[in-house]
N, C-alpha and C. Protein backbone atom coordinates (compact mmCIF):
# COMPACT_ATOMS: atom_id res chain seq x y z
N MET A 1 17.42 11.20 15.89
CA MET A 1 16.75 10.11 16.38
C MET A 1 16.60 9.00 15.24
N SER A 2 16.87 7.79 15.47
CA SER A 2 16.78 6.73 14.47
C SER A 2 15.24 6.45 14.16
N LYS A 3 15.00 5.84 13.00
CA LYS A 3 13.62 5.57 12.69
C LYS A 3 13.02 4.60 13.65
N GLU A 4 13.70 3.62 14.11
CA GLU A 4 13.16 2.67 15.02
C GLU A 4 12.82 3.30 16.36
N LEU A 5 13.65 4.27 16.82
CA LEU A 5 13.35 4.93 18.09
C LEU A 5 12.11 5.89 17.86
N GLN A 6 11.99 6.53 16.80
CA GLN A 6 10.91 7.24 16.43
C GLN A 6 9.68 6.53 16.39
N MET A 7 9.68 5.29 15.82
CA MET A 7 8.41 4.48 15.94
C MET A 7 8.05 3.92 17.32
N LYS A 8 9.11 3.72 18.19
CA LYS A 8 8.76 3.39 19.48
C LYS A 8 8.14 4.51 20.18
N GLN A 9 8.53 5.77 19.85
CA GLN A 9 7.90 6.92 20.56
C GLN A 9 6.41 7.13 19.96
N ILE A 10 6.19 6.76 18.78
CA ILE A 10 4.80 6.91 18.15
C ILE A 10 3.96 5.91 18.92
N ILE A 11 4.46 4.68 19.11
CA ILE A 11 3.65 3.62 19.73
C ILE A 11 3.40 3.97 21.13
N LYS A 12 4.38 4.63 21.77
CA LYS A 12 4.07 5.12 23.19
C LYS A 12 2.89 6.10 23.22
N GLN A 13 2.91 6.98 22.14
CA GLN A 13 1.85 8.04 22.05
C GLN A 13 0.53 7.36 21.70
N LEU A 14 0.57 6.34 20.80
CA LEU A 14 -0.62 5.52 20.51
C LEU A 14 -1.38 4.99 21.84
N LEU A 15 -0.44 4.34 22.60
CA LEU A 15 -1.07 3.64 23.71
C LEU A 15 -1.64 4.64 24.76
N LYS A 16 -0.94 5.81 24.83
CA LYS A 16 -1.34 6.87 25.69
C LYS A 16 -2.73 7.50 25.15
N THR A 17 -2.84 7.58 23.86
CA THR A 17 -4.12 8.10 23.29
C THR A 17 -5.28 7.03 23.38
N ASP A 18 -4.89 5.78 23.10
CA ASP A 18 -5.90 4.74 23.10
C ASP A 18 -5.45 3.43 23.65
N PRO A 19 -5.55 3.26 24.91
CA PRO A 19 -4.99 2.14 25.71
C PRO A 19 -5.62 0.80 25.21
N ALA A 20 -6.71 0.84 24.41
CA ALA A 20 -7.26 -0.45 23.86
C ALA A 20 -6.31 -1.16 22.95
N PHE A 21 -5.36 -0.53 22.43
CA PHE A 21 -4.29 -1.17 21.61
C PHE A 21 -3.16 -1.95 22.39
N LYS A 22 -3.18 -1.83 23.73
CA LYS A 22 -2.07 -2.38 24.47
C LYS A 22 -1.82 -3.88 24.21
N ALA A 23 -2.97 -4.66 23.98
CA ALA A 23 -2.80 -6.15 23.84
C ALA A 23 -2.08 -6.45 22.45
N VAL A 24 -2.68 -5.72 21.33
CA VAL A 24 -2.12 -6.03 20.08
C VAL A 24 -0.70 -5.59 19.91
N VAL A 25 -0.39 -4.50 20.50
CA VAL A 25 1.06 -4.01 20.55
C VAL A 25 1.91 -4.85 21.22
N LYS A 26 1.49 -5.39 22.33
CA LYS A 26 2.30 -6.40 23.07
C LYS A 26 2.51 -7.69 22.31
N ASP A 27 1.50 -8.13 21.59
CA ASP A 27 1.57 -9.50 20.84
C ASP A 27 2.20 -9.32 19.42
N SER A 28 2.51 -8.14 19.14
CA SER A 28 3.03 -7.92 17.73
C SER A 28 4.41 -7.39 17.63
N PRO A 29 5.10 -7.67 16.54
CA PRO A 29 6.45 -7.09 16.32
C PRO A 29 6.23 -5.53 16.19
N LEU A 30 7.41 -4.78 16.21
CA LEU A 30 7.46 -3.37 16.13
C LEU A 30 6.85 -3.06 14.69
N CYS A 31 5.87 -2.18 14.61
CA CYS A 31 5.53 -1.71 13.30
C CYS A 31 6.69 -1.24 12.48
N ASP A 32 6.84 -1.91 11.23
CA ASP A 32 7.95 -1.67 10.38
C ASP A 32 7.82 -0.59 9.26
N ILE A 33 6.72 0.16 9.30
CA ILE A 33 6.50 1.15 8.17
C ILE A 33 7.56 2.24 8.11
N GLY A 34 8.27 2.24 6.98
CA GLY A 34 9.30 3.23 6.74
C GLY A 34 10.56 2.96 7.38
N LEU A 35 10.73 1.79 8.08
CA LEU A 35 12.00 1.41 8.77
C LEU A 35 13.11 1.06 7.79
N SER A 36 12.77 0.44 6.67
CA SER A 36 13.81 0.05 5.77
C SER A 36 13.44 0.46 4.28
N LYS A 37 14.44 0.49 3.46
CA LYS A 37 14.34 0.95 2.05
C LYS A 37 13.47 -0.07 1.30
N PRO A 38 12.70 0.45 0.44
CA PRO A 38 11.80 -0.52 -0.32
C PRO A 38 12.61 -1.45 -1.14
N LYS A 39 12.09 -2.75 -1.28
CA LYS A 39 12.75 -3.76 -2.14
C LYS A 39 12.75 -3.45 -3.54
N TYR A 40 11.68 -2.93 -4.02
CA TYR A 40 11.36 -2.66 -5.44
C TYR A 40 11.37 -1.22 -5.73
N SER A 41 11.46 -0.84 -7.13
CA SER A 41 11.34 0.45 -7.59
C SER A 41 9.84 0.87 -7.44
N HIS A 42 9.59 2.12 -7.58
CA HIS A 42 8.19 2.68 -7.51
C HIS A 42 7.37 1.94 -8.60
N PHE A 43 7.95 1.91 -9.78
CA PHE A 43 7.15 1.22 -11.07
C PHE A 43 7.01 -0.26 -10.82
N GLU A 44 7.94 -0.89 -10.30
CA GLU A 44 7.67 -2.43 -10.19
C GLU A 44 6.76 -2.67 -8.91
N THR A 45 6.80 -1.90 -7.86
CA THR A 45 5.85 -2.00 -6.84
C THR A 45 4.42 -1.82 -7.29
N LEU A 46 4.15 -0.75 -8.19
CA LEU A 46 2.87 -0.56 -8.65
C LEU A 46 2.45 -1.65 -9.64
N THR A 47 3.34 -2.15 -10.37
CA THR A 47 3.07 -3.24 -11.25
C THR A 47 2.55 -4.47 -10.58
N HIS A 48 3.33 -4.81 -9.35
CA HIS A 48 2.93 -6.01 -8.65
C HIS A 48 1.51 -5.79 -7.87
N SER A 49 1.27 -4.40 -7.64
CA SER A 49 0.07 -4.12 -6.93
C SER A 49 -1.22 -4.44 -7.92
N ILE A 50 -0.97 -3.98 -9.14
CA ILE A 50 -1.94 -4.24 -10.19
C ILE A 50 -2.27 -5.67 -10.29
N ILE A 51 -1.12 -6.47 -10.40
CA ILE A 51 -1.29 -7.85 -10.57
C ILE A 51 -2.01 -8.53 -9.40
N SER A 52 -1.83 -8.07 -8.17
CA SER A 52 -2.39 -8.69 -6.99
C SER A 52 -3.84 -8.38 -6.74
N GLN A 53 -4.43 -7.44 -7.54
CA GLN A 53 -5.80 -7.08 -7.36
C GLN A 53 -6.68 -8.22 -7.62
N MET A 54 -7.59 -8.54 -6.62
CA MET A 54 -8.76 -9.51 -6.77
C MET A 54 -8.38 -10.87 -7.05
N ILE A 55 -7.06 -11.30 -6.72
CA ILE A 55 -6.72 -12.67 -6.85
C ILE A 55 -6.01 -13.24 -5.61
N ALA A 56 -5.90 -14.43 -5.51
CA ALA A 56 -5.21 -15.06 -4.23
C ALA A 56 -3.70 -14.63 -4.33
N THR A 57 -3.24 -14.55 -3.15
CA THR A 57 -1.73 -14.18 -2.94
C THR A 57 -0.72 -14.96 -3.78
N LYS A 58 -1.05 -16.31 -3.70
CA LYS A 58 -0.18 -17.36 -4.32
C LYS A 58 -0.18 -17.20 -5.86
N ALA A 59 -1.45 -16.93 -6.37
CA ALA A 59 -1.66 -16.69 -7.85
C ALA A 59 -0.86 -15.52 -8.27
N ALA A 60 -1.04 -14.52 -7.55
CA ALA A 60 -0.35 -13.14 -7.73
C ALA A 60 1.22 -13.33 -7.79
N ALA A 61 1.68 -14.04 -6.88
CA ALA A 61 3.11 -14.35 -6.71
C ALA A 61 3.62 -15.17 -7.92
N THR A 62 2.84 -16.12 -8.33
CA THR A 62 3.29 -16.81 -9.54
C THR A 62 3.17 -16.02 -10.86
N ILE A 63 2.33 -15.12 -11.04
CA ILE A 63 2.30 -14.27 -12.21
C ILE A 63 3.41 -13.22 -12.13
N SER A 64 3.71 -12.64 -10.94
CA SER A 64 4.71 -11.71 -10.70
C SER A 64 6.13 -12.40 -11.08
N ASN A 65 6.22 -13.60 -10.59
CA ASN A 65 7.57 -14.31 -10.89
C ASN A 65 7.72 -14.55 -12.24
N ARG A 66 6.66 -14.90 -13.06
CA ARG A 66 6.70 -15.17 -14.52
C ARG A 66 7.13 -13.77 -15.20
N LEU A 67 6.49 -12.77 -14.75
CA LEU A 67 6.81 -11.44 -15.41
C LEU A 67 8.21 -11.10 -15.19
N ILE A 68 8.66 -11.28 -13.91
CA ILE A 68 10.12 -11.01 -13.64
C ILE A 68 11.02 -11.78 -14.61
N THR A 69 10.65 -13.06 -14.80
CA THR A 69 11.49 -13.94 -15.61
C THR A 69 11.46 -13.38 -17.20
N THR A 70 10.29 -12.97 -17.52
CA THR A 70 10.01 -12.59 -18.87
C THR A 70 10.75 -11.33 -19.24
N CYS A 71 10.88 -10.47 -18.13
CA CYS A 71 11.58 -9.31 -18.26
C CYS A 71 13.04 -9.32 -17.92
N ASN A 72 13.52 -10.54 -17.85
CA ASN A 72 14.96 -10.76 -17.41
C ASN A 72 15.42 -9.94 -16.19
N ASN A 73 14.49 -9.94 -15.25
CA ASN A 73 14.72 -9.29 -13.90
C ASN A 73 14.72 -7.82 -13.94
N LYS A 74 14.25 -7.26 -15.13
CA LYS A 74 14.21 -5.73 -15.31
C LYS A 74 12.72 -5.37 -15.43
N VAL A 75 11.98 -5.18 -14.33
CA VAL A 75 10.54 -4.86 -14.49
C VAL A 75 10.55 -3.33 -14.63
N GLU A 76 10.85 -2.80 -15.86
CA GLU A 76 10.90 -1.35 -16.04
C GLU A 76 9.89 -0.98 -17.20
N ALA A 77 9.55 0.31 -17.19
CA ALA A 77 8.60 0.79 -18.11
C ALA A 77 8.99 0.47 -19.57
N LYS A 78 10.20 0.75 -19.90
CA LYS A 78 10.57 0.58 -21.40
C LYS A 78 10.59 -0.91 -21.67
N VAL A 79 10.95 -1.79 -20.83
CA VAL A 79 10.95 -3.24 -20.96
C VAL A 79 9.48 -3.74 -21.30
N ILE A 80 8.54 -3.21 -20.33
CA ILE A 80 7.09 -3.56 -20.48
C ILE A 80 6.56 -3.20 -21.72
N LEU A 81 6.82 -1.98 -22.18
CA LEU A 81 6.25 -1.47 -23.39
C LEU A 81 6.78 -2.25 -24.60
N LYS A 82 8.02 -2.67 -24.54
CA LYS A 82 8.63 -3.47 -25.62
C LYS A 82 8.12 -4.89 -25.78
N LEU A 83 7.64 -5.40 -24.60
CA LEU A 83 6.98 -6.71 -24.52
C LEU A 83 5.58 -6.66 -25.32
N GLY A 84 4.88 -5.54 -24.94
CA GLY A 84 3.58 -5.48 -25.58
C GLY A 84 2.47 -6.33 -24.94
N HIS A 85 1.26 -6.13 -25.43
CA HIS A 85 0.07 -6.74 -24.83
C HIS A 85 0.12 -8.21 -24.85
N LYS A 86 0.40 -8.89 -26.01
CA LYS A 86 0.31 -10.28 -26.10
C LYS A 86 1.41 -10.99 -25.26
N LYS A 87 2.58 -10.58 -25.18
CA LYS A 87 3.53 -11.35 -24.26
C LYS A 87 3.23 -11.08 -22.85
N LEU A 88 2.55 -9.93 -22.44
CA LEU A 88 2.21 -9.70 -21.09
C LEU A 88 1.10 -10.67 -20.66
N GLN A 89 0.13 -10.76 -21.57
CA GLN A 89 -1.01 -11.73 -21.29
C GLN A 89 -0.52 -13.14 -21.14
N ALA A 90 0.57 -13.46 -21.81
CA ALA A 90 1.18 -14.80 -21.75
C ALA A 90 1.64 -15.22 -20.44
N VAL A 91 1.87 -14.25 -19.56
CA VAL A 91 2.38 -14.63 -18.16
C VAL A 91 1.19 -14.88 -17.28
N GLY A 92 -0.01 -14.68 -17.71
CA GLY A 92 -1.19 -15.04 -16.96
C GLY A 92 -2.09 -13.81 -16.55
N LEU A 93 -1.67 -12.70 -17.13
CA LEU A 93 -2.44 -11.41 -16.85
C LEU A 93 -3.83 -11.37 -17.55
N SER A 94 -4.82 -10.84 -16.89
CA SER A 94 -6.13 -10.60 -17.63
C SER A 94 -5.91 -9.45 -18.64
N ASN A 95 -6.88 -9.34 -19.48
CA ASN A 95 -6.80 -8.23 -20.52
C ASN A 95 -6.85 -6.88 -19.73
N ALA A 96 -7.69 -6.78 -18.83
CA ALA A 96 -7.78 -5.49 -18.08
C ALA A 96 -6.43 -5.13 -17.32
N LYS A 97 -5.82 -6.06 -16.64
CA LYS A 97 -4.61 -5.82 -15.91
C LYS A 97 -3.45 -5.59 -16.89
N THR A 98 -3.35 -6.19 -18.05
CA THR A 98 -2.39 -5.98 -19.13
C THR A 98 -2.52 -4.56 -19.66
N SER A 99 -3.69 -4.14 -19.70
CA SER A 99 -4.02 -2.70 -20.28
C SER A 99 -3.55 -1.75 -19.17
N ALA A 100 -3.75 -2.10 -17.98
CA ALA A 100 -3.32 -1.15 -16.83
C ALA A 100 -1.86 -0.96 -16.62
N ILE A 101 -1.12 -2.13 -16.79
CA ILE A 101 0.28 -2.16 -16.67
C ILE A 101 0.93 -1.44 -17.89
N LEU A 102 0.37 -1.62 -19.00
CA LEU A 102 0.85 -0.89 -20.13
C LEU A 102 0.64 0.61 -20.05
N ASP A 103 -0.49 0.95 -19.49
CA ASP A 103 -0.88 2.40 -19.22
C ASP A 103 0.12 3.01 -18.17
N LEU A 104 0.34 2.23 -17.08
CA LEU A 104 1.35 2.71 -16.09
C LEU A 104 2.68 2.81 -16.78
N ALA A 105 3.13 1.87 -17.56
CA ALA A 105 4.45 1.96 -18.34
C ALA A 105 4.52 3.18 -19.31
N ASP A 106 3.44 3.44 -19.99
CA ASP A 106 3.34 4.53 -20.94
C ASP A 106 3.51 5.95 -20.20
N LEU A 107 2.70 6.01 -19.13
CA LEU A 107 2.73 7.30 -18.35
C LEU A 107 4.05 7.44 -17.72
N THR A 108 4.70 6.40 -17.26
CA THR A 108 6.02 6.55 -16.63
C THR A 108 7.14 6.86 -17.67
N GLN A 109 7.10 6.32 -18.73
CA GLN A 109 8.08 6.45 -19.93
C GLN A 109 7.99 7.90 -20.44
N SER A 110 6.70 8.30 -20.51
CA SER A 110 6.57 9.74 -21.12
C SER A 110 6.78 10.89 -20.13
N ASN A 111 6.97 10.39 -18.84
CA ASN A 111 7.19 11.29 -17.75
C ASN A 111 5.90 12.07 -17.29
N ALA A 112 4.82 11.54 -17.74
CA ALA A 112 3.44 12.14 -17.23
C ALA A 112 3.30 11.68 -15.80
N LEU A 113 3.84 10.65 -15.49
CA LEU A 113 3.92 10.19 -14.05
C LEU A 113 5.39 10.14 -13.60
N SER A 114 5.77 11.18 -12.88
CA SER A 114 7.18 11.37 -12.60
C SER A 114 7.45 10.96 -11.12
N PHE A 115 8.03 9.76 -10.93
CA PHE A 115 8.28 9.36 -9.57
C PHE A 115 9.34 10.13 -8.89
N ASP A 116 10.23 10.74 -9.69
CA ASP A 116 11.31 11.62 -9.01
C ASP A 116 10.66 12.73 -8.20
N ARG A 117 9.58 13.20 -8.49
CA ARG A 117 8.89 14.36 -7.80
C ARG A 117 8.16 13.91 -6.52
N PHE A 118 7.91 12.54 -6.38
CA PHE A 118 7.17 12.12 -5.27
C PHE A 118 7.61 12.54 -3.79
N SER A 119 8.89 12.60 -3.61
CA SER A 119 9.43 13.00 -2.36
C SER A 119 9.02 14.47 -1.93
N LYS A 120 8.67 15.25 -2.88
CA LYS A 120 8.31 16.66 -2.68
C LYS A 120 6.75 16.88 -2.62
N LEU A 121 6.00 15.79 -2.90
CA LEU A 121 4.55 15.87 -3.07
C LEU A 121 3.94 15.42 -1.71
N SER A 122 2.69 15.95 -1.60
CA SER A 122 1.84 15.66 -0.46
C SER A 122 1.16 14.29 -0.70
N ASN A 123 0.62 13.66 0.30
CA ASN A 123 -0.11 12.39 0.00
C ASN A 123 -1.26 12.57 -0.93
N ALA A 124 -2.01 13.72 -0.84
CA ALA A 124 -3.15 13.91 -1.76
C ALA A 124 -2.60 14.00 -3.22
N GLU A 125 -1.53 14.75 -3.35
CA GLU A 125 -0.95 15.04 -4.72
C GLU A 125 -0.39 13.68 -5.38
N ILE A 126 0.19 12.86 -4.50
CA ILE A 126 0.68 11.46 -5.08
C ILE A 126 -0.49 10.67 -5.50
N GLU A 127 -1.48 10.63 -4.61
CA GLU A 127 -2.72 9.91 -4.91
C GLU A 127 -3.32 10.36 -6.36
N LYS A 128 -3.32 11.62 -6.32
CA LYS A 128 -3.95 12.30 -7.70
C LYS A 128 -3.17 11.83 -8.90
N GLU A 129 -1.85 11.75 -8.64
CA GLU A 129 -0.96 11.34 -9.74
C GLU A 129 -1.18 9.90 -10.14
N LEU A 130 -1.24 9.03 -9.07
CA LEU A 130 -1.42 7.58 -9.33
C LEU A 130 -2.85 7.16 -9.93
N ILE A 131 -3.89 7.86 -9.52
CA ILE A 131 -5.17 7.38 -9.92
C ILE A 131 -5.45 7.69 -11.46
N GLN A 132 -4.54 8.57 -12.06
CA GLN A 132 -4.67 8.80 -13.52
C GLN A 132 -4.33 7.47 -14.18
N VAL A 133 -3.62 6.46 -13.54
CA VAL A 133 -3.18 5.27 -14.21
C VAL A 133 -4.54 4.37 -14.26
N LYS A 134 -4.80 3.79 -15.31
CA LYS A 134 -6.03 2.83 -15.43
C LYS A 134 -5.71 1.62 -14.52
N GLY A 135 -6.69 1.33 -13.64
CA GLY A 135 -6.47 0.20 -12.78
C GLY A 135 -5.96 0.57 -11.46
N ILE A 136 -5.57 1.84 -11.17
CA ILE A 136 -5.10 2.21 -9.82
C ILE A 136 -6.11 3.14 -9.18
N GLY A 137 -6.74 2.69 -8.14
CA GLY A 137 -7.69 3.60 -7.42
C GLY A 137 -7.12 4.08 -6.08
N SER A 138 -7.97 4.73 -5.31
CA SER A 138 -7.49 5.27 -4.01
C SER A 138 -6.89 4.12 -3.01
N TRP A 139 -7.54 2.99 -2.93
CA TRP A 139 -6.82 1.98 -2.04
C TRP A 139 -5.54 1.58 -2.49
N THR A 140 -5.20 1.32 -3.74
CA THR A 140 -3.87 0.97 -4.23
C THR A 140 -2.92 2.18 -3.90
N ALA A 141 -3.44 3.32 -4.20
CA ALA A 141 -2.48 4.42 -3.96
C ALA A 141 -2.16 4.59 -2.47
N GLN A 142 -3.21 4.44 -1.56
CA GLN A 142 -2.89 4.42 -0.21
C GLN A 142 -1.94 3.38 0.31
N MET A 143 -2.03 2.13 -0.24
CA MET A 143 -1.15 1.05 0.08
C MET A 143 0.25 1.37 -0.27
N PHE A 144 0.41 2.00 -1.41
CA PHE A 144 1.70 2.45 -2.05
C PHE A 144 2.35 3.42 -1.06
N LEU A 145 1.57 4.35 -0.65
CA LEU A 145 1.99 5.51 0.21
C LEU A 145 2.48 4.96 1.58
N ILE A 146 1.78 3.93 2.07
CA ILE A 146 2.04 3.43 3.42
C ILE A 146 3.36 2.47 3.27
N PHE A 147 3.14 1.40 2.53
CA PHE A 147 4.18 0.30 2.46
C PHE A 147 5.35 0.58 1.59
N HIS A 148 5.23 1.39 0.59
CA HIS A 148 6.41 1.66 -0.25
C HIS A 148 7.14 2.89 0.11
N LEU A 149 6.35 4.03 0.23
CA LEU A 149 6.90 5.38 0.60
C LEU A 149 7.08 5.50 2.08
N GLY A 150 6.54 4.75 2.89
CA GLY A 150 6.64 4.78 4.32
C GLY A 150 5.94 6.05 4.89
N ARG A 151 4.93 6.48 4.32
CA ARG A 151 4.22 7.64 4.80
C ARG A 151 3.35 7.17 6.10
N LEU A 152 3.55 7.91 7.22
CA LEU A 152 2.88 7.49 8.47
C LEU A 152 1.57 8.04 8.75
N ASP A 153 1.11 9.01 7.88
CA ASP A 153 -0.16 9.66 8.17
C ASP A 153 -1.28 9.38 7.21
N ILE A 154 -1.35 8.10 6.92
CA ILE A 154 -2.42 7.62 5.99
C ILE A 154 -3.47 6.83 6.70
N TRP A 155 -4.70 7.25 6.62
CA TRP A 155 -5.75 6.40 7.41
C TRP A 155 -6.79 5.98 6.31
N PRO A 156 -6.57 4.65 6.02
CA PRO A 156 -7.32 4.02 4.99
C PRO A 156 -8.69 3.44 5.54
N ILE A 157 -9.58 4.33 5.67
CA ILE A 157 -10.88 4.07 6.21
C ILE A 157 -11.81 3.21 5.45
N LEU A 158 -11.54 2.98 4.11
CA LEU A 158 -12.26 2.13 3.35
C LEU A 158 -11.76 0.75 3.36
N ASP A 159 -10.64 0.51 3.91
CA ASP A 159 -10.07 -0.80 4.06
C ASP A 159 -10.98 -1.69 5.06
N LEU A 160 -11.43 -2.82 4.59
CA LEU A 160 -12.21 -3.72 5.39
C LEU A 160 -11.42 -4.31 6.52
N GLY A 161 -10.16 -4.58 6.29
CA GLY A 161 -9.22 -5.18 7.38
C GLY A 161 -9.11 -4.15 8.51
N VAL A 162 -8.94 -2.88 8.21
CA VAL A 162 -8.63 -1.89 9.18
C VAL A 162 -9.90 -1.64 10.05
N ARG A 163 -11.16 -1.70 9.30
CA ARG A 163 -12.38 -1.51 9.98
C ARG A 163 -12.63 -2.67 10.90
N ARG A 164 -12.40 -3.90 10.42
CA ARG A 164 -12.60 -5.17 11.42
C ARG A 164 -11.65 -5.15 12.49
N GLY A 165 -10.37 -4.80 12.27
CA GLY A 165 -9.34 -4.83 13.34
C GLY A 165 -9.75 -3.79 14.37
N TRP A 166 -10.25 -2.61 13.96
CA TRP A 166 -10.72 -1.62 14.87
C TRP A 166 -11.80 -2.15 15.76
N MET A 167 -12.77 -2.87 15.10
CA MET A 167 -13.83 -3.34 15.84
C MET A 167 -13.38 -4.37 16.86
N ARG A 168 -12.49 -5.28 16.56
CA ARG A 168 -12.04 -6.25 17.49
C ARG A 168 -11.28 -5.63 18.67
N ILE A 169 -10.40 -4.68 18.40
CA ILE A 169 -9.65 -4.09 19.25
C ILE A 169 -10.48 -3.33 20.34
N HIS A 170 -11.52 -2.66 19.85
CA HIS A 170 -12.50 -2.02 20.72
C HIS A 170 -13.71 -2.75 21.18
N LYS A 171 -13.71 -4.08 20.71
CA LYS A 171 -14.84 -4.89 21.18
C LYS A 171 -16.24 -4.36 20.78
N LEU A 172 -16.25 -3.93 19.53
CA LEU A 172 -17.57 -3.40 19.08
C LEU A 172 -18.36 -4.41 18.44
N ARG A 173 -19.69 -4.51 18.68
CA ARG A 173 -20.56 -5.53 18.16
C ARG A 173 -21.15 -5.05 16.84
N SER A 174 -21.34 -3.82 16.68
CA SER A 174 -21.91 -3.37 15.32
C SER A 174 -20.87 -2.77 14.50
N GLU A 175 -21.08 -2.89 13.15
CA GLU A 175 -20.15 -2.43 12.25
C GLU A 175 -19.76 -1.04 12.21
N ILE A 176 -18.51 -0.66 12.05
CA ILE A 176 -18.12 0.75 12.15
C ILE A 176 -18.14 1.29 10.81
N THR A 177 -18.69 2.43 10.47
CA THR A 177 -18.75 2.93 9.02
C THR A 177 -17.46 3.69 8.82
N PRO A 178 -17.04 3.86 7.55
CA PRO A 178 -15.84 4.57 7.27
C PRO A 178 -15.85 5.95 7.74
N GLU A 179 -17.09 6.58 7.76
CA GLU A 179 -17.21 7.95 8.29
C GLU A 179 -17.01 8.00 9.76
N LYS A 180 -17.41 7.12 10.53
CA LYS A 180 -17.15 7.00 12.04
C LYS A 180 -15.69 6.78 12.24
N LEU A 181 -15.08 5.90 11.42
CA LEU A 181 -13.70 5.55 11.57
C LEU A 181 -12.80 6.87 11.17
N ALA A 182 -13.21 7.62 10.22
CA ALA A 182 -12.51 8.81 9.85
C ALA A 182 -12.53 9.77 11.08
N THR A 183 -13.57 9.87 11.76
CA THR A 183 -13.62 10.74 12.98
C THR A 183 -12.68 10.26 14.00
N GLN A 184 -12.67 8.91 14.27
CA GLN A 184 -11.79 8.29 15.25
C GLN A 184 -10.21 8.65 14.88
N GLY A 185 -9.97 8.75 13.65
CA GLY A 185 -8.60 8.97 13.13
C GLY A 185 -8.04 10.14 13.64
N HIS A 186 -8.77 11.27 13.79
CA HIS A 186 -8.38 12.55 14.18
C HIS A 186 -7.35 12.59 15.28
N LYS A 187 -7.58 11.76 16.33
CA LYS A 187 -6.87 11.73 17.54
C LYS A 187 -5.47 11.03 17.32
N PHE A 188 -5.23 10.53 16.15
CA PHE A 188 -3.97 9.89 15.86
C PHE A 188 -3.25 10.67 14.78
N ALA A 189 -3.62 11.89 14.58
CA ALA A 189 -2.98 12.80 13.52
C ALA A 189 -1.43 12.62 13.46
N GLY A 190 -1.05 12.29 12.36
CA GLY A 190 0.45 12.25 12.12
C GLY A 190 0.95 10.81 12.10
N TYR A 191 0.23 9.85 12.60
CA TYR A 191 0.58 8.41 12.61
C TYR A 191 -0.47 7.43 12.44
N GLU A 192 -1.43 7.83 11.60
CA GLU A 192 -2.58 6.99 11.35
C GLU A 192 -2.25 5.64 10.65
N SER A 193 -1.11 5.69 9.86
CA SER A 193 -0.78 4.45 9.21
C SER A 193 -0.28 3.37 10.24
N VAL A 194 0.27 3.81 11.33
CA VAL A 194 0.75 2.85 12.37
C VAL A 194 -0.50 2.28 13.03
N VAL A 195 -1.54 3.12 13.36
CA VAL A 195 -2.76 2.61 13.93
C VAL A 195 -3.39 1.53 12.89
N ALA A 196 -3.44 1.83 11.62
CA ALA A 196 -3.98 0.83 10.67
C ALA A 196 -3.16 -0.38 10.60
N TRP A 197 -1.78 -0.36 10.80
CA TRP A 197 -1.00 -1.46 10.60
C TRP A 197 -1.36 -2.48 11.84
N TYR A 198 -1.54 -1.89 13.14
CA TYR A 198 -2.00 -2.67 14.17
C TYR A 198 -3.44 -3.32 14.10
N CYS A 199 -4.22 -2.56 13.31
CA CYS A 199 -5.64 -3.10 13.07
C CYS A 199 -5.44 -4.31 12.16
N TRP A 200 -4.60 -4.19 11.19
CA TRP A 200 -4.37 -5.34 10.26
C TRP A 200 -3.79 -6.54 11.00
N ARG A 201 -2.88 -6.32 11.92
CA ARG A 201 -2.27 -7.38 12.72
C ARG A 201 -3.32 -8.16 13.48
N VAL A 202 -4.30 -7.65 14.09
CA VAL A 202 -5.35 -8.24 14.70
C VAL A 202 -6.07 -9.17 13.82
N VAL A 203 -6.41 -8.72 12.52
CA VAL A 203 -7.19 -9.49 11.63
C VAL A 203 -6.20 -10.57 11.03
N ASP A 204 -5.10 -10.29 10.48
CA ASP A 204 -4.26 -11.21 9.84
C ASP A 204 -3.24 -12.02 10.69
N GLY A 205 -3.01 -11.62 11.88
CA GLY A 205 -2.17 -12.28 12.77
C GLY A 205 -0.61 -12.08 12.41
């Protein structure tokens, strides 16, 4: 079965489990989690994730592009380490983000963080590996699992967009807590990421 056909089957199951998603599914393109190979390496994806934290999308893109240029299109651990703190800050990175990216590069280069093993690890094991990096928390790790590794069974209950999307889809007037959302996720076991993706669609369009 092709990945696209598998996704269509998942969405069919989603609508059977929770018909409230019918409108957003109808108005949205097919969920594309895991349908294509990642554009960037594991290391480069995480580097861009650190850059993007707490700043506007446009500003993050500008800094990322400057970094790519500075690295001569090779955003790799050894290149980052060679650049050092001063040159990294010169592209527009804060002191904290510079330290985080250098920490990521150091752990990658020393093989303390081994991306080659990720295909054999569970979601929880990968998250544990990633959060040892300064500047990477559970949310960043979960976004990496969903959008880079294409893991379909991630339920990011702490994500505000997912919670707001869920509330709109189900026409809830009061705020849904992460704990309540966690309980709701049980019925979507195995494809929680897809549910989250459609929640984001409602909020982001």
